[in-house]
């Protein structure tokens, strides 16, 4: 378990879980939102972004959080484990609303420089549409994993402690 990919809807808790796994397993942490967004929420051109993701995924060890399905073809083959936070959309939407209220106007450590937290209605729509638009793509991607890749599908935050214990046990046995 040297490269763990944490995916799921915005607001599912990817960044928090990735940070906890990184600390617990002593693996480098990569927040894709931090890598993607430049100052003031600027976005890189697609070729530049894919090149950056290729370099990140090529590293020998990591816990990487972020969906960015357009780069699954780069990241998934390198992952030794994929954790999918498949939480209900209402839970994700509430989490984002709480996050915005708590951090409004501040830059979170999992985001790029000068990317102050804000409310974005189109982002909320994206969260609400995630089960219809992204869930089927993610499920198909997971069906195509190699036998040597582990997958963990968490449907509730209450599943997280068991995952952490499982991954720690695997690390200690190695």
N, C-alpha and C. Protein backbone atom coordinates (compact mmCIF):
# COMPACT_ATOMS: atom_id res chain seq x y z
N UNK A 1 0.84 -1.19 0.00
CA UNK A 1 0.00 0.00 0.00
C UNK A 1 0.88 1.24 0.00
N UNK A 2 1.52 1.44 -1.10
CA UNK A 2 2.42 2.59 -1.20
C UNK A 2 1.80 3.79 -1.89
N UNK A 3 0.70 3.56 -2.64
CA UNK A 3 0.05 4.66 -3.36
C UNK A 3 -1.46 4.49 -3.22
N UNK A 4 -2.05 5.36 -2.42
CA UNK A 4 -3.48 5.27 -2.11
C UNK A 4 -4.18 6.46 -2.71
N UNK A 5 -5.16 6.18 -3.54
CA UNK A 5 -5.96 7.21 -4.19
C UNK A 5 -7.28 7.33 -3.44
N UNK A 6 -7.63 8.55 -3.00
CA UNK A 6 -8.88 8.80 -2.28
C UNK A 6 -9.76 9.65 -3.19
N UNK A 7 -10.93 9.09 -3.56
CA UNK A 7 -11.82 9.76 -4.50
C UNK A 7 -13.23 9.84 -3.91
N UNK A 8 -14.07 10.67 -4.54
CA UNK A 8 -15.46 10.80 -4.11
C UNK A 8 -15.96 12.20 -4.40
N UNK A 9 -17.21 12.41 -4.12
CA UNK A 9 -17.84 13.70 -4.34
C UNK A 9 -17.18 14.80 -3.53
N UNK A 10 -17.24 16.04 -4.01
CA UNK A 10 -16.83 17.15 -3.15
C UNK A 10 -17.65 17.09 -1.85
N UNK A 11 -17.00 17.34 -0.75
CA UNK A 11 -17.68 17.33 0.53
C UNK A 11 -17.76 15.97 1.20
N UNK A 12 -17.25 14.94 0.53
CA UNK A 12 -17.31 13.59 1.10
C UNK A 12 -16.29 13.41 2.23
N UNK A 13 -15.25 14.23 2.24
CA UNK A 13 -14.21 14.11 3.27
C UNK A 13 -12.90 13.56 2.74
N UNK A 14 -12.68 13.69 1.43
CA UNK A 14 -11.46 13.15 0.81
C UNK A 14 -10.19 13.74 1.42
N UNK A 15 -10.13 15.04 1.52
CA UNK A 15 -8.90 15.69 2.01
C UNK A 15 -8.61 15.32 3.45
N UNK A 16 -9.63 15.29 4.27
CA UNK A 16 -9.45 14.93 5.68
C UNK A 16 -8.98 13.49 5.81
N UNK A 17 -9.64 12.58 5.09
CA UNK A 17 -9.24 11.18 5.16
C UNK A 17 -7.83 10.98 4.60
N UNK A 18 -7.53 11.63 3.49
CA UNK A 18 -6.18 11.50 2.91
C UNK A 18 -5.11 11.98 3.89
N UNK A 19 -5.37 13.09 4.55
CA UNK A 19 -4.41 13.60 5.54
C UNK A 19 -4.22 12.59 6.67
N UNK A 20 -5.32 12.03 7.16
CA UNK A 20 -5.23 11.06 8.26
C UNK A 20 -4.48 9.80 7.82
N UNK A 21 -4.76 9.31 6.62
CA UNK A 21 -4.05 8.12 6.13
C UNK A 21 -2.57 8.41 5.93
N UNK A 22 -2.28 9.59 5.40
CA UNK A 22 -0.89 9.99 5.19
C UNK A 22 -0.11 9.98 6.51
N UNK A 23 -0.72 10.55 7.53
CA UNK A 23 -0.06 10.59 8.84
C UNK A 23 0.06 9.20 9.44
N UNK A 24 -1.00 8.43 9.37
CA UNK A 24 -1.03 7.11 9.98
C UNK A 24 -0.06 6.14 9.30
N UNK A 25 0.04 6.24 7.97
CA UNK A 25 0.87 5.31 7.21
C UNK A 25 2.24 5.88 6.86
N UNK A 26 2.50 7.11 7.26
CA UNK A 26 3.77 7.79 6.98
C UNK A 26 4.08 7.82 5.48
N UNK A 27 3.05 8.26 4.71
CA UNK A 27 3.19 8.40 3.27
C UNK A 27 3.04 9.87 2.89
N UNK A 28 3.72 10.33 1.85
CA UNK A 28 3.57 11.72 1.41
C UNK A 28 2.12 12.00 0.97
N UNK A 29 1.66 13.20 1.27
CA UNK A 29 0.30 13.62 0.97
C UNK A 29 0.27 14.54 -0.24
N UNK A 30 -0.65 14.25 -1.17
CA UNK A 30 -0.85 15.10 -2.35
C UNK A 30 -2.33 15.47 -2.42
N UNK A 31 -2.62 16.76 -2.25
CA UNK A 31 -3.98 17.27 -2.45
C UNK A 31 -4.05 17.79 -3.89
N UNK A 32 -4.82 17.13 -4.75
CA UNK A 32 -4.88 17.55 -6.14
C UNK A 32 -5.45 18.95 -6.31
N UNK A 33 -6.39 19.35 -5.45
CA UNK A 33 -6.91 20.72 -5.55
C UNK A 33 -5.79 21.74 -5.34
N UNK A 34 -4.89 21.44 -4.44
CA UNK A 34 -3.76 22.34 -4.19
C UNK A 34 -2.84 22.41 -5.41
N UNK A 35 -2.70 21.29 -6.09
CA UNK A 35 -1.85 21.23 -7.28
C UNK A 35 -2.53 21.87 -8.49
N UNK A 36 -3.84 21.78 -8.55
CA UNK A 36 -4.59 22.24 -9.72
C UNK A 36 -4.83 23.76 -9.73
N UNK A 37 -5.30 24.28 -8.62
CA UNK A 37 -5.69 25.69 -8.58
C UNK A 37 -4.50 26.59 -8.27
N UNK A 38 -4.32 27.56 -9.16
CA UNK A 38 -3.30 28.58 -8.95
C UNK A 38 -3.90 29.76 -8.19
N UNK A 39 -3.14 30.82 -8.02
CA UNK A 39 -3.63 31.98 -7.27
C UNK A 39 -4.97 32.48 -7.81
N UNK A 40 -5.90 32.71 -6.88
CA UNK A 40 -7.20 33.25 -7.26
C UNK A 40 -8.06 32.29 -8.07
N UNK A 41 -7.89 30.98 -7.84
CA UNK A 41 -8.69 29.94 -8.50
C UNK A 41 -8.37 29.80 -9.99
N UNK A 42 -7.18 30.19 -10.42
CA UNK A 42 -6.82 29.99 -11.83
C UNK A 42 -6.57 28.51 -12.09
N UNK A 43 -6.83 28.09 -13.33
CA UNK A 43 -6.71 26.68 -13.70
C UNK A 43 -5.69 26.52 -14.82
N UNK A 44 -4.89 25.46 -14.77
CA UNK A 44 -3.88 25.25 -15.80
C UNK A 44 -4.51 24.73 -17.09
N UNK A 45 -3.84 24.92 -18.21
CA UNK A 45 -4.29 24.29 -19.45
C UNK A 45 -4.25 22.76 -19.29
N UNK A 46 -5.13 22.08 -19.98
CA UNK A 46 -5.24 20.61 -19.85
C UNK A 46 -3.91 19.88 -20.05
N UNK A 47 -3.13 20.18 -21.11
CA UNK A 47 -1.86 19.45 -21.28
C UNK A 47 -0.91 19.65 -20.10
N UNK A 48 -0.86 20.87 -19.60
CA UNK A 48 0.01 21.17 -18.46
C UNK A 48 -0.46 20.40 -17.22
N UNK A 49 -1.78 20.35 -16.99
CA UNK A 49 -2.33 19.64 -15.85
C UNK A 49 -2.02 18.15 -15.95
N UNK A 50 -2.19 17.55 -17.09
CA UNK A 50 -1.92 16.12 -17.25
C UNK A 50 -0.43 15.82 -17.03
N UNK A 51 0.42 16.71 -17.48
CA UNK A 51 1.87 16.54 -17.26
C UNK A 51 2.18 16.60 -15.76
N UNK A 52 1.56 17.54 -15.07
CA UNK A 52 1.77 17.68 -13.62
C UNK A 52 1.28 16.43 -12.88
N UNK A 53 0.10 15.95 -13.25
CA UNK A 53 -0.45 14.75 -12.60
C UNK A 53 0.43 13.53 -12.89
N UNK A 54 0.95 13.44 -14.09
CA UNK A 54 1.86 12.33 -14.44
C UNK A 54 3.09 12.34 -13.53
N UNK A 55 3.65 13.51 -13.32
CA UNK A 55 4.82 13.62 -12.44
C UNK A 55 4.47 13.25 -11.00
N UNK A 56 3.32 13.69 -10.53
CA UNK A 56 2.90 13.36 -9.16
C UNK A 56 2.66 11.86 -9.01
N UNK A 57 1.95 11.27 -9.96
CA UNK A 57 1.61 9.85 -9.89
C UNK A 57 2.85 8.97 -10.02
N UNK A 58 3.89 9.46 -10.67
CA UNK A 58 5.12 8.68 -10.87
C UNK A 58 5.94 8.55 -9.59
N UNK A 59 5.62 9.35 -8.59
CA UNK A 59 6.37 9.25 -7.33
C UNK A 59 6.19 7.85 -6.74
N UNK A 60 7.18 7.39 -5.97
CA UNK A 60 7.12 6.02 -5.47
C UNK A 60 6.03 5.77 -4.42
N UNK A 61 5.67 6.79 -3.67
CA UNK A 61 4.70 6.60 -2.60
C UNK A 61 3.89 7.87 -2.42
N UNK A 62 2.60 7.69 -2.08
CA UNK A 62 1.73 8.84 -1.83
C UNK A 62 0.34 8.41 -1.36
N UNK A 63 -0.33 9.37 -0.74
CA UNK A 63 -1.77 9.34 -0.56
C UNK A 63 -2.25 10.56 -1.33
N UNK A 64 -3.10 10.33 -2.32
CA UNK A 64 -3.53 11.42 -3.22
C UNK A 64 -5.05 11.54 -3.15
N UNK A 65 -5.52 12.76 -2.87
CA UNK A 65 -6.96 12.94 -2.85
C UNK A 65 -7.39 13.86 -3.97
N UNK A 66 -8.54 13.54 -4.53
CA UNK A 66 -9.12 14.35 -5.59
C UNK A 66 -9.72 13.49 -6.68
N UNK A 67 -10.80 13.96 -7.22
CA UNK A 67 -11.46 13.21 -8.29
C UNK A 67 -10.74 13.41 -9.61
N UNK A 68 -10.95 14.54 -10.28
CA UNK A 68 -10.31 14.82 -11.55
C UNK A 68 -10.33 13.59 -12.46
N UNK A 69 -11.54 13.14 -12.78
CA UNK A 69 -11.73 11.92 -13.56
C UNK A 69 -10.99 11.96 -14.89
N UNK A 70 -10.72 13.16 -15.39
CA UNK A 70 -9.99 13.27 -16.66
C UNK A 70 -8.55 12.79 -16.53
N UNK A 71 -8.09 12.54 -15.30
CA UNK A 71 -6.74 12.01 -15.09
C UNK A 71 -6.75 10.63 -14.45
N UNK A 72 -7.91 10.00 -14.35
CA UNK A 72 -7.97 8.63 -13.82
C UNK A 72 -7.03 7.72 -14.61
N UNK A 73 -6.95 7.92 -15.92
CA UNK A 73 -6.11 7.06 -16.76
C UNK A 73 -4.63 7.15 -16.38
N UNK A 74 -4.24 8.22 -15.74
CA UNK A 74 -2.85 8.40 -15.31
C UNK A 74 -2.66 7.86 -13.89
N UNK A 75 -3.59 8.20 -13.00
CA UNK A 75 -3.42 7.91 -11.58
C UNK A 75 -3.83 6.50 -11.18
N UNK A 76 -4.93 6.01 -11.70
CA UNK A 76 -5.44 4.71 -11.26
C UNK A 76 -4.44 3.57 -11.52
N UNK A 77 -3.80 3.49 -12.68
CA UNK A 77 -2.84 2.39 -12.87
C UNK A 77 -1.69 2.40 -11.86
N UNK A 78 -1.34 3.57 -11.35
CA UNK A 78 -0.24 3.67 -10.38
C UNK A 78 -0.69 3.36 -8.95
N UNK A 79 -1.98 3.45 -8.68
CA UNK A 79 -2.49 3.25 -7.32
C UNK A 79 -2.41 1.79 -6.91
N UNK A 80 -1.98 1.57 -5.67
CA UNK A 80 -2.02 0.22 -5.11
C UNK A 80 -3.33 -0.01 -4.38
N UNK A 81 -4.01 1.09 -4.02
CA UNK A 81 -5.33 1.01 -3.38
C UNK A 81 -6.13 2.24 -3.77
N UNK A 82 -7.44 2.04 -3.91
CA UNK A 82 -8.36 3.14 -4.19
C UNK A 82 -9.42 3.14 -3.10
N UNK A 83 -9.60 4.29 -2.48
CA UNK A 83 -10.65 4.47 -1.48
C UNK A 83 -11.69 5.40 -2.08
N UNK A 84 -12.90 4.89 -2.20
CA UNK A 84 -14.00 5.68 -2.77
C UNK A 84 -14.97 6.03 -1.66
N UNK A 85 -15.05 7.31 -1.35
CA UNK A 85 -16.03 7.81 -0.40
C UNK A 85 -17.34 8.02 -1.17
N UNK A 86 -18.20 7.03 -1.13
CA UNK A 86 -19.45 7.04 -1.88
C UNK A 86 -20.60 7.41 -0.93
N UNK A 87 -20.54 8.62 -0.43
CA UNK A 87 -21.51 9.10 0.55
C UNK A 87 -22.73 9.72 -0.13
N UNK A 88 -23.85 9.76 0.59
CA UNK A 88 -25.06 10.39 0.02
C UNK A 88 -24.82 11.86 -0.30
N UNK A 89 -25.45 12.32 -1.38
CA UNK A 89 -25.22 13.70 -1.81
C UNK A 89 -25.66 14.72 -0.78
N UNK A 90 -26.70 14.44 -0.02
CA UNK A 90 -27.14 15.40 0.99
C UNK A 90 -26.05 15.58 2.05
N UNK A 91 -25.34 14.49 2.40
CA UNK A 91 -24.25 14.56 3.39
C UNK A 91 -23.11 15.42 2.84
N UNK A 92 -22.78 15.22 1.57
CA UNK A 92 -21.69 15.98 0.93
C UNK A 92 -22.06 17.45 0.83
N UNK A 93 -23.30 17.74 0.41
CA UNK A 93 -23.74 19.14 0.28
C UNK A 93 -23.72 19.84 1.63
N UNK A 94 -24.21 19.17 2.67
CA UNK A 94 -24.19 19.78 4.00
C UNK A 94 -22.76 20.03 4.47
N UNK A 95 -21.88 19.08 4.19
CA UNK A 95 -20.47 19.24 4.59
C UNK A 95 -19.84 20.45 3.91
N UNK A 96 -20.14 20.65 2.63
CA UNK A 96 -19.58 21.80 1.92
C UNK A 96 -20.16 23.10 2.46
N UNK A 97 -21.45 23.12 2.74
CA UNK A 97 -22.05 24.33 3.32
C UNK A 97 -21.41 24.65 4.67
N UNK A 98 -21.20 23.64 5.49
CA UNK A 98 -20.54 23.84 6.78
C UNK A 98 -19.10 24.33 6.58
N UNK A 99 -18.40 23.73 5.63
CA UNK A 99 -17.01 24.13 5.35
C UNK A 99 -16.94 25.58 4.91
N UNK A 100 -17.86 25.99 4.04
CA UNK A 100 -17.90 27.38 3.57
C UNK A 100 -18.17 28.32 4.74
N UNK A 101 -19.15 27.98 5.56
CA UNK A 101 -19.48 28.84 6.71
C UNK A 101 -18.30 28.97 7.67
N UNK A 102 -17.61 27.88 7.89
CA UNK A 102 -16.49 27.86 8.85
C UNK A 102 -15.25 28.56 8.31
N UNK A 103 -15.03 28.47 6.99
CA UNK A 103 -13.77 28.97 6.41
C UNK A 103 -13.94 30.14 5.46
N UNK A 104 -15.12 30.71 5.37
CA UNK A 104 -15.40 31.74 4.36
C UNK A 104 -14.31 32.83 4.37
N UNK A 105 -13.76 33.09 3.19
CA UNK A 105 -12.74 34.13 3.03
C UNK A 105 -11.33 33.70 3.39
N UNK A 106 -11.18 32.50 3.91
CA UNK A 106 -9.85 31.99 4.28
C UNK A 106 -9.38 30.95 3.27
N UNK A 107 -8.09 30.77 3.21
CA UNK A 107 -7.50 29.76 2.32
C UNK A 107 -7.25 28.50 3.15
N UNK A 108 -7.81 27.38 2.70
CA UNK A 108 -7.58 26.10 3.38
C UNK A 108 -6.25 25.51 2.92
N UNK A 109 -5.61 24.69 3.75
CA UNK A 109 -4.31 24.13 3.37
C UNK A 109 -4.37 23.13 2.21
N UNK A 110 -5.56 22.63 1.89
CA UNK A 110 -5.66 21.67 0.79
C UNK A 110 -5.98 22.35 -0.54
N UNK A 111 -5.98 23.69 -0.57
CA UNK A 111 -6.23 24.45 -1.79
C UNK A 111 -5.00 25.23 -2.20
N UNK A 112 -5.03 25.73 -3.41
CA UNK A 112 -3.92 26.52 -3.93
C UNK A 112 -3.82 27.87 -3.26
N UNK A 113 -2.74 28.60 -3.52
CA UNK A 113 -2.53 29.91 -2.91
C UNK A 113 -3.61 30.90 -3.35
N UNK A 114 -4.03 31.72 -2.43
CA UNK A 114 -5.00 32.78 -2.71
C UNK A 114 -6.33 32.24 -3.26
N UNK A 115 -6.70 31.05 -2.81
CA UNK A 115 -8.00 30.46 -3.18
C UNK A 115 -8.89 30.49 -1.94
N UNK A 116 -9.42 31.66 -1.68
CA UNK A 116 -10.23 31.85 -0.48
C UNK A 116 -11.55 31.09 -0.61
N UNK A 117 -11.96 30.48 0.49
CA UNK A 117 -13.23 29.75 0.53
C UNK A 117 -14.37 30.69 0.21
N UNK A 118 -15.30 30.20 -0.63
CA UNK A 118 -16.44 31.01 -1.05
C UNK A 118 -17.62 30.10 -1.32
N UNK A 119 -18.80 30.67 -1.39
CA UNK A 119 -19.98 29.91 -1.78
C UNK A 119 -20.11 29.99 -3.29
N UNK A 120 -20.35 28.84 -3.92
CA UNK A 120 -20.45 28.78 -5.37
C UNK A 120 -21.65 27.88 -5.71
N UNK A 121 -22.69 28.49 -6.24
CA UNK A 121 -23.91 27.75 -6.55
C UNK A 121 -23.66 26.66 -7.59
N UNK A 122 -22.82 26.93 -8.59
CA UNK A 122 -22.56 25.90 -9.60
C UNK A 122 -21.83 24.70 -8.98
N UNK A 123 -20.99 24.96 -7.99
CA UNK A 123 -20.31 23.88 -7.27
C UNK A 123 -21.33 23.03 -6.50
N UNK A 124 -22.31 23.68 -5.89
CA UNK A 124 -23.35 22.95 -5.17
C UNK A 124 -24.17 22.10 -6.15
N UNK A 125 -24.43 22.63 -7.32
CA UNK A 125 -25.15 21.84 -8.34
C UNK A 125 -24.33 20.61 -8.75
N UNK A 126 -23.03 20.81 -8.88
CA UNK A 126 -22.13 19.70 -9.24
C UNK A 126 -22.22 18.60 -8.18
N UNK A 127 -22.20 18.98 -6.91
CA UNK A 127 -22.31 18.00 -5.83
C UNK A 127 -23.63 17.25 -5.94
N UNK A 128 -24.70 17.97 -6.18
CA UNK A 128 -26.02 17.35 -6.25
C UNK A 128 -26.12 16.40 -7.45
N UNK A 129 -25.44 16.74 -8.54
CA UNK A 129 -25.52 15.89 -9.74
C UNK A 129 -24.48 14.76 -9.73
N UNK A 130 -23.55 14.77 -8.80
CA UNK A 130 -22.47 13.78 -8.75
C UNK A 130 -22.97 12.34 -8.84
N UNK A 131 -23.99 11.94 -8.06
CA UNK A 131 -24.43 10.54 -8.15
C UNK A 131 -24.90 10.15 -9.56
N UNK A 132 -25.48 11.06 -10.27
CA UNK A 132 -25.99 10.76 -11.62
C UNK A 132 -24.87 10.82 -12.66
N UNK A 133 -23.96 11.77 -12.52
CA UNK A 133 -22.94 11.98 -13.55
C UNK A 133 -21.64 11.20 -13.31
N UNK A 134 -21.14 11.23 -12.11
CA UNK A 134 -19.82 10.65 -11.84
C UNK A 134 -19.86 9.25 -11.22
N UNK A 135 -20.88 8.96 -10.45
CA UNK A 135 -20.94 7.67 -9.76
C UNK A 135 -20.84 6.50 -10.75
N UNK A 136 -21.60 6.50 -11.86
CA UNK A 136 -21.48 5.37 -12.80
C UNK A 136 -20.08 5.25 -13.41
N UNK A 137 -19.45 6.38 -13.75
CA UNK A 137 -18.09 6.35 -14.30
C UNK A 137 -17.10 5.77 -13.29
N UNK A 138 -17.25 6.19 -12.04
CA UNK A 138 -16.35 5.71 -11.00
C UNK A 138 -16.54 4.22 -10.77
N UNK A 139 -17.79 3.77 -10.73
CA UNK A 139 -18.06 2.34 -10.54
C UNK A 139 -17.45 1.51 -11.68
N UNK A 140 -17.57 1.98 -12.92
CA UNK A 140 -16.98 1.26 -14.06
C UNK A 140 -15.46 1.23 -13.95
N UNK A 141 -14.87 2.34 -13.53
CA UNK A 141 -13.42 2.38 -13.38
C UNK A 141 -12.96 1.36 -12.34
N UNK A 142 -13.67 1.27 -11.24
CA UNK A 142 -13.28 0.34 -10.18
C UNK A 142 -13.43 -1.12 -10.61
N UNK A 143 -14.38 -1.39 -11.48
CA UNK A 143 -14.56 -2.76 -11.99
C UNK A 143 -13.36 -3.21 -12.82
N UNK A 144 -12.62 -2.26 -13.36
CA UNK A 144 -11.49 -2.59 -14.23
C UNK A 144 -10.14 -2.61 -13.50
N UNK A 145 -10.15 -2.50 -12.19
CA UNK A 145 -8.89 -2.53 -11.45
C UNK A 145 -8.23 -3.90 -11.59
N UNK A 146 -6.92 -3.89 -11.51
CA UNK A 146 -6.16 -5.14 -11.56
C UNK A 146 -6.36 -5.92 -10.26
N UNK A 147 -6.11 -7.22 -10.30
CA UNK A 147 -6.26 -8.03 -9.07
C UNK A 147 -5.34 -7.58 -7.94
N UNK A 148 -4.20 -6.97 -8.27
CA UNK A 148 -3.27 -6.55 -7.23
C UNK A 148 -3.64 -5.19 -6.62
N UNK A 149 -4.67 -4.56 -7.11
CA UNK A 149 -5.12 -3.27 -6.57
C UNK A 149 -6.29 -3.50 -5.62
N UNK A 150 -6.19 -2.91 -4.44
CA UNK A 150 -7.27 -3.05 -3.46
C UNK A 150 -8.24 -1.90 -3.61
N UNK A 151 -9.50 -2.17 -3.36
CA UNK A 151 -10.52 -1.13 -3.42
C UNK A 151 -11.33 -1.17 -2.13
N UNK A 152 -11.61 0.01 -1.63
CA UNK A 152 -12.42 0.18 -0.43
C UNK A 152 -13.52 1.18 -0.77
N UNK A 153 -14.77 0.75 -0.67
CA UNK A 153 -15.90 1.63 -0.92
C UNK A 153 -16.55 1.93 0.42
N UNK A 154 -16.53 3.19 0.79
CA UNK A 154 -17.11 3.61 2.06
C UNK A 154 -18.40 4.38 1.79
N UNK A 155 -19.49 3.91 2.35
CA UNK A 155 -20.79 4.54 2.11
C UNK A 155 -21.23 5.43 3.28
N UNK A 156 -20.41 5.47 4.31
CA UNK A 156 -20.72 6.27 5.49
C UNK A 156 -19.41 6.67 6.16
N UNK A 157 -19.43 7.78 6.84
CA UNK A 157 -18.21 8.19 7.58
C UNK A 157 -17.92 7.23 8.72
N UNK A 158 -18.95 6.51 9.17
CA UNK A 158 -18.73 5.53 10.23
C UNK A 158 -17.89 4.34 9.76
N UNK A 159 -17.70 4.19 8.44
CA UNK A 159 -16.84 3.14 7.88
C UNK A 159 -15.35 3.50 7.96
N UNK A 160 -15.04 4.75 8.21
CA UNK A 160 -13.66 5.23 8.15
C UNK A 160 -12.75 4.59 9.20
N UNK A 161 -13.15 4.48 10.47
CA UNK A 161 -12.23 3.86 11.45
C UNK A 161 -11.82 2.44 11.08
N UNK A 162 -12.75 1.65 10.54
CA UNK A 162 -12.41 0.28 10.13
C UNK A 162 -11.39 0.29 8.99
N UNK A 163 -11.56 1.22 8.05
CA UNK A 163 -10.60 1.34 6.95
C UNK A 163 -9.22 1.70 7.50
N UNK A 164 -9.17 2.69 8.37
CA UNK A 164 -7.88 3.11 8.94
C UNK A 164 -7.21 1.95 9.68
N UNK A 165 -7.97 1.20 10.42
CA UNK A 165 -7.41 0.05 11.14
C UNK A 165 -6.92 -1.01 10.16
N UNK A 166 -7.69 -1.27 9.12
CA UNK A 166 -7.32 -2.25 8.10
C UNK A 166 -6.01 -1.85 7.42
N UNK A 167 -5.91 -0.60 7.01
CA UNK A 167 -4.71 -0.15 6.31
C UNK A 167 -3.50 -0.12 7.23
N UNK A 168 -3.69 0.24 8.49
CA UNK A 168 -2.58 0.23 9.44
C UNK A 168 -2.10 -1.20 9.66
N UNK A 169 -3.03 -2.13 9.76
CA UNK A 169 -2.69 -3.54 9.95
C UNK A 169 -1.89 -4.06 8.75
N UNK A 170 -2.31 -3.69 7.54
CA UNK A 170 -1.59 -4.09 6.32
C UNK A 170 -0.18 -3.52 6.34
N UNK A 171 -0.03 -2.27 6.74
CA UNK A 171 1.28 -1.61 6.79
C UNK A 171 2.19 -2.32 7.79
N UNK A 172 1.64 -2.65 8.96
CA UNK A 172 2.45 -3.30 9.99
C UNK A 172 2.87 -4.71 9.58
N UNK A 173 2.03 -5.40 8.81
CA UNK A 173 2.33 -6.75 8.37
C UNK A 173 3.39 -6.78 7.27
N UNK A 174 3.55 -5.66 6.58
CA UNK A 174 4.49 -5.62 5.44
C UNK A 174 5.93 -5.59 5.90
